[in-house]
């Protein structure tokens, strides 16, 4: 009988110890999730476990990378290129030239963007142009083919052959390296315009400045470069430290209650436009190879850019409140007024 009581006492003690251990583990686990550089959002999977924002971004980027295969190179047919706008809405494309079509935005678009400094954007622009410029310059076909025989490295020769297949058939618009940005939140956009008086605009700018002071600079790393079916060459980034884009957008939503309910991008996304492929000039009598060969050519060139830029790191320290007086002024070098705010990191909770 004494032995039974002793066993019962031992089992009860062990159970209590296990229960306390589990409780401590659970508390520490929840604390770790909360402090994991604030990269967890409220979305959960069917299993009930939260999905980190970095994982959410990875899934978005994987889906974007499949877009070209899923929908083909729609930009070769002069289709939609960005934000429900067609290529003809944004550019005039001819043999050897590309001109932006600047259309007044009425009312002006009011965009909040994170700014990428030129010490980071210029090396990216250089890499993009080194790979893609030969494809799009007028007269480059004969020029690049004449040099192909002089190159000894097989991989470079292969890229030159791809360039020769595509050169003079396409048009491209390179993003201005002084205006690389990450679109965060719109107080008004062209799809859902929200008119505002001068006083209301000033109040919005003050509210955005307060948001900027509360968020911390972001250390980011280039996860991948993708080419979409609409012809946009995008840099897709992950966050190493600092305030996550999900939190930034949430703060901007609270600061700008009149903003459109439907925003243009997923709350977790952190992307920059490097360039836009605009299809072959209508005057060209030549056609790109159709089907899988065509897509494979684009994939290999984008893959080469990924090899050059993958893992590129940068720091973001500014939030801009921009009035775009022309549609997509930030992308097309249009008329705009930008208020620049440094990220102050005052809210470290």
Foldseek 3Di string as FASTA:
>chain_A
DVVVVVVVVVVVVVVVVVVVVVVVVVVVVVVCVPPVQNQWDPDDDPVRDTDGLLNVLVVVVVVQQCQCVVPNQCLQVQQCADPRHTLVQFWDDAQADIAGDWDFQVVFWKFKWFFFALVQLVVLLVLVCVQCVLLEGHPSLVVLVVCLVVDDDPVVSVSSVLSNLRHSFWHKFFFDSRLWIWTQFILAARVRGDDDDPVRLVQLVVLLLVLLQAWWKWKKWFAFWHAHSSFWTKTWIDTPHIHAQLVSNVSSCVSRVNGDPDTDDDSRTTMTTGMGIRHGHPPDPDDHDDDPVRVVSVVVSRVVSCVVRGGPIGITFKMKTKGFRTHPCSRNVHDMDIDIHTRNNPNVD
